[in-house]
Amino acid sequence: MKRLFFIALFFSAQSYAGDCVYLEVVGVQAQSGNVLVQVRANKKNDEGNHYVPWKNLGSHDSKAVKSYQSIAQQAIATGNQVMLRFAGNVSCYDTDYATTPIAFRLYK
């Protein structure tokens, strides 16, 4: 019974994940509290420009932030697309300094 509960919990958590795919990473900012990444979105705004929001990769205490920062720097160097996965629904096109991703993927 416990296994069934944990399996159901796992899949319900996965169903709320929000994936945001971006054309490229255009900036990385490390500051005293956290690391930010600026990304160019696939979608354009009313003026015809791509959205370029800042997203929080996490605090320096986070176990994942070094890996995320490394992926962001690699994305800048290669110009590859990236995807940020969030635990809940987020706006992919708005700057968000509070919400941190649960995964960061690099695409060729």
C-alpha atoms as a PDB file:
ATOM      1  CA  MET A   1       0.000   0.000   0.000  1.00  0.00           C
ATOM      2  CA  LYS A   2       2.866   2.377   0.807  1.00  0.00           C
ATOM      3  CA  ARG A   3       4.446   1.727  -2.583  1.00  0.00           C
ATOM      4  CA  LEU A   4       1.222   2.558  -4.366  1.00  0.00           C
ATOM      5  CA  PHE A   5       0.958   5.821  -2.414  1.00  0.00           C
ATOM      6  CA  PHE A   6       4.510   6.879  -3.325  1.00  0.00           C
ATOM      7  CA  ILE A   7       4.030   5.952  -6.987  1.00  0.00           C
ATOM      8  CA  ALA A   8       0.821   7.999  -7.117  1.00  0.00           C
ATOM      9  CA  LEU A   9       2.553  10.894  -5.368  1.00  0.00           C
ATOM     10  CA  PHE A  10       5.452  10.772  -7.847  1.00  0.00           C
ATOM     11  CA  PHE A  11       3.227  10.840 -10.922  1.00  0.00           C
ATOM     12  CA  SER A  12       0.973  13.552  -9.514  1.00  0.00           C
ATOM     13  CA  ALA A  13       4.018  15.738  -8.844  1.00  0.00           C
ATOM     14  CA  GLN A  14       5.278  15.144 -12.376  1.00  0.00           C
ATOM     15  CA  SER A  15       1.933  16.111 -13.903  1.00  0.00           C
ATOM     16  CA  TYR A  16       2.225  19.634 -12.484  1.00  0.00           C
ATOM     17  CA  ALA A  17       5.664  20.272 -13.954  1.00  0.00           C
ATOM     18  CA  GLY A  18       5.966  23.212 -16.321  1.00  0.00           C
ATOM     19  CA  ASP A  19       8.564  23.092 -19.081  1.00  0.00           C
ATOM     20  CA  CYS A  20       9.853  26.329 -20.567  1.00  0.00           C
ATOM     21  CA  VAL A  21      11.944  25.947 -23.733  1.00  0.00           C
ATOM     22  CA  TYR A  22      14.172  28.853 -24.756  1.00  0.00           C
ATOM     23  CA  LEU A  23      16.153  29.647 -27.904  1.00  0.00           C
ATOM     24  CA  GLU A  24      19.335  30.493 -26.024  1.00  0.00           C
ATOM     25  CA  VAL A  25      20.883  31.726 -22.809  1.00  0.00           C
ATOM     26  CA  VAL A  26      21.965  35.350 -23.202  1.00  0.00           C
ATOM     27  CA  GLY A  27      23.258  36.073 -19.708  1.00  0.00           C
ATOM     28  CA  VAL A  28      24.300  34.613 -16.379  1.00  0.00           C
ATOM     29  CA  GLN A  29      24.525  36.659 -13.193  1.00  0.00           C
ATOM     30  CA  ALA A  30      26.031  35.347  -9.973  1.00  0.00           C
ATOM     31  CA  GLN A  31      25.267  37.512  -6.967  1.00  0.00           C
ATOM     32  CA  SER A  32      25.597  37.127  -3.217  1.00  0.00           C
ATOM     33  CA  GLY A  33      22.320  35.250  -2.694  1.00  0.00           C
ATOM     34  CA  ASN A  34      21.729  33.297  -5.891  1.00  0.00           C
ATOM     35  CA  VAL A  35      22.477  32.743  -9.576  1.00  0.00           C
ATOM     36  CA  LEU A  36      20.254  34.192 -12.318  1.00  0.00           C
ATOM     37  CA  VAL A  37      20.038  33.281 -15.985  1.00  0.00           C
ATOM     38  CA  GLN A  38      18.640  35.421 -18.799  1.00  0.00           C
ATOM     39  CA  VAL A  39      17.055  33.508 -21.659  1.00  0.00           C
ATOM     40  CA  ARG A  40      15.620  34.369 -25.077  1.00  0.00           C
ATOM     41  CA  ALA A  41      12.142  32.907 -25.442  1.00  0.00           C
ATOM     42  CA  ASN A  42      10.645  31.265 -28.538  1.00  0.00           C
ATOM     43  CA  LYS A  43       7.657  33.614 -28.335  1.00  0.00           C
ATOM     44  CA  LYS A  44       7.647  37.254 -29.411  1.00  0.00           C
ATOM     45  CA  ASN A  45       5.904  40.109 -27.626  1.00  0.00           C
ATOM     46  CA  ASP A  46       3.559  42.697 -29.175  1.00  0.00           C
ATOM     47  CA  GLU A  47       6.499  44.747 -30.460  1.00  0.00           C
ATOM     48  CA  GLY A  48       7.861  41.742 -32.358  1.00  0.00           C
ATOM     49  CA  ASN A  49      10.806  41.211 -30.030  1.00  0.00           C
ATOM     50  CA  HIS A  50      11.588  37.947 -28.285  1.00  0.00           C
ATOM     51  CA  TYR A  51      10.930  37.887 -24.559  1.00  0.00           C
ATOM     52  CA  VAL A  52      14.202  37.846 -22.582  1.00  0.00           C
ATOM     53  CA  PRO A  53      13.224  37.149 -18.975  1.00  0.00           C
ATOM     54  CA  TRP A  54      15.541  36.513 -16.044  1.00  0.00           C
ATOM     55  CA  LYS A  55      15.040  33.253 -14.138  1.00  0.00           C
ATOM     56  CA  ASN A  56      16.442  32.237 -10.742  1.00  0.00           C
ATOM     57  CA  LEU A  57      18.607  29.111 -10.899  1.00  0.00           C
ATOM     58  CA  GLY A  58      18.819  28.876  -7.110  1.00  0.00           C
ATOM     59  CA  SER A  59      20.789  29.918  -4.080  1.00  0.00           C
ATOM     60  CA  HIS A  60      24.458  29.115  -3.609  1.00  0.00           C
ATOM     61  CA  ASP A  61      23.399  26.632  -0.897  1.00  0.00           C
ATOM     62  CA  SER A  62      21.455  24.571  -3.449  1.00  0.00           C
ATOM     63  CA  LYS A  63      23.089  21.304  -4.493  1.00  0.00           C
ATOM     64  CA  ALA A  64      22.014  21.816  -8.118  1.00  0.00           C
ATOM     65  CA  VAL A  65      23.035  25.445  -8.688  1.00  0.00           C
ATOM     66  CA  LYS A  66      26.633  24.654  -9.714  1.00  0.00           C
ATOM     67  CA  SER A  67      25.401  22.179 -12.330  1.00  0.00           C
ATOM     68  CA  TYR A  68      22.753  24.618 -13.547  1.00  0.00           C
ATOM     69  CA  GLN A  69      25.314  27.422 -13.817  1.00  0.00           C
ATOM     70  CA  SER A  70      27.652  25.122 -15.756  1.00  0.00           C
ATOM     71  CA  ILE A  71      24.869  24.218 -18.195  1.00  0.00           C
ATOM     72  CA  ALA A  72      24.004  27.905 -18.617  1.00  0.00           C
ATOM     73  CA  GLN A  73      27.620  28.779 -19.410  1.00  0.00           C
ATOM     74  CA  GLN A  74      27.847  25.890 -21.876  1.00  0.00           C
ATOM     75  CA  ALA A  75      24.630  27.090 -23.537  1.00  0.00           C
ATOM     76  CA  ILE A  76      26.101  30.569 -23.962  1.00  0.00           C
ATOM     77  CA  ALA A  77      29.279  29.137 -25.481  1.00  0.00           C
ATOM     78  CA  THR A  78      27.453  26.831 -27.909  1.00  0.00           C
ATOM     79  CA  GLY A  79      24.302  28.858 -28.624  1.00  0.00           C
ATOM     80  CA  ASN A  80      22.146  25.802 -27.950  1.00  0.00           C
ATOM     81  CA  GLN A  81      18.545  25.769 -26.799  1.00  0.00           C
ATOM     82  CA  VAL A  82      17.696  25.117 -23.159  1.00  0.00           C
ATOM     83  CA  MET A  83      14.690  23.994 -21.171  1.00  0.00           C
ATOM     84  CA  LEU A  84      13.870  24.902 -17.577  1.00  0.00           C
ATOM     85  CA  ARG A  85      11.413  22.623 -15.774  1.00  0.00           C
ATOM     86  CA  PHE A  86       9.460  24.019 -12.850  1.00  0.00           C
ATOM     87  CA  ALA A  87       7.488  22.112 -10.229  1.00  0.00           C
ATOM     88  CA  GLY A  88       4.343  24.133 -10.892  1.00  0.00           C
ATOM     89  CA  ASN A  89       2.818  26.413 -13.450  1.00  0.00           C
ATOM     90  CA  VAL A  90       4.990  29.427 -14.178  1.00  0.00           C
ATOM     91  CA  SER A  91       5.015  32.070 -16.874  1.00  0.00           C
ATOM     92  CA  CYS A  92       7.882  31.238 -19.197  1.00  0.00           C
ATOM     93  CA  TYR A  93       7.950  34.804 -20.528  1.00  0.00           C
ATOM     94  CA  ASP A  94       8.068  36.821 -17.288  1.00  0.00           C
ATOM     95  CA  THR A  95      11.076  37.581 -15.132  1.00  0.00           C
ATOM     96  CA  ASP A  96      10.857  35.522 -11.955  1.00  0.00           C
ATOM     97  CA  TYR A  97      13.397  35.942  -9.170  1.00  0.00           C
ATOM     98  CA  ALA A  98      11.626  33.630  -6.697  1.00  0.00           C
ATOM     99  CA  THR A  99      10.808  30.337  -8.430  1.00  0.00           C
ATOM    100  CA  THR A 100      13.686  27.913  -9.007  1.00  0.00           C
ATOM    101  CA  PRO A 101      13.736  25.106 -11.574  1.00  0.00           C
ATOM    102  CA  ILE A 102      13.774  21.416 -10.752  1.00  0.00           C
ATOM    103  CA  ALA A 103      15.656  20.577 -13.969  1.00  0.00           C
ATOM    104  CA  PHE A 104      17.773  22.384 -16.563  1.00  0.00           C
ATOM    105  CA  ARG A 105      18.250  20.722 -19.956  1.00  0.00           C
ATOM    106  CA  LEU A 106      20.591  21.620 -22.823  1.00  0.00           C
ATOM    107  CA  TYR A 107      19.576  20.862 -26.451  1.00  0.00           C
ATOM    108  CA  LYS A 108      21.827  20.601 -29.477  1.00  0.00           C
END
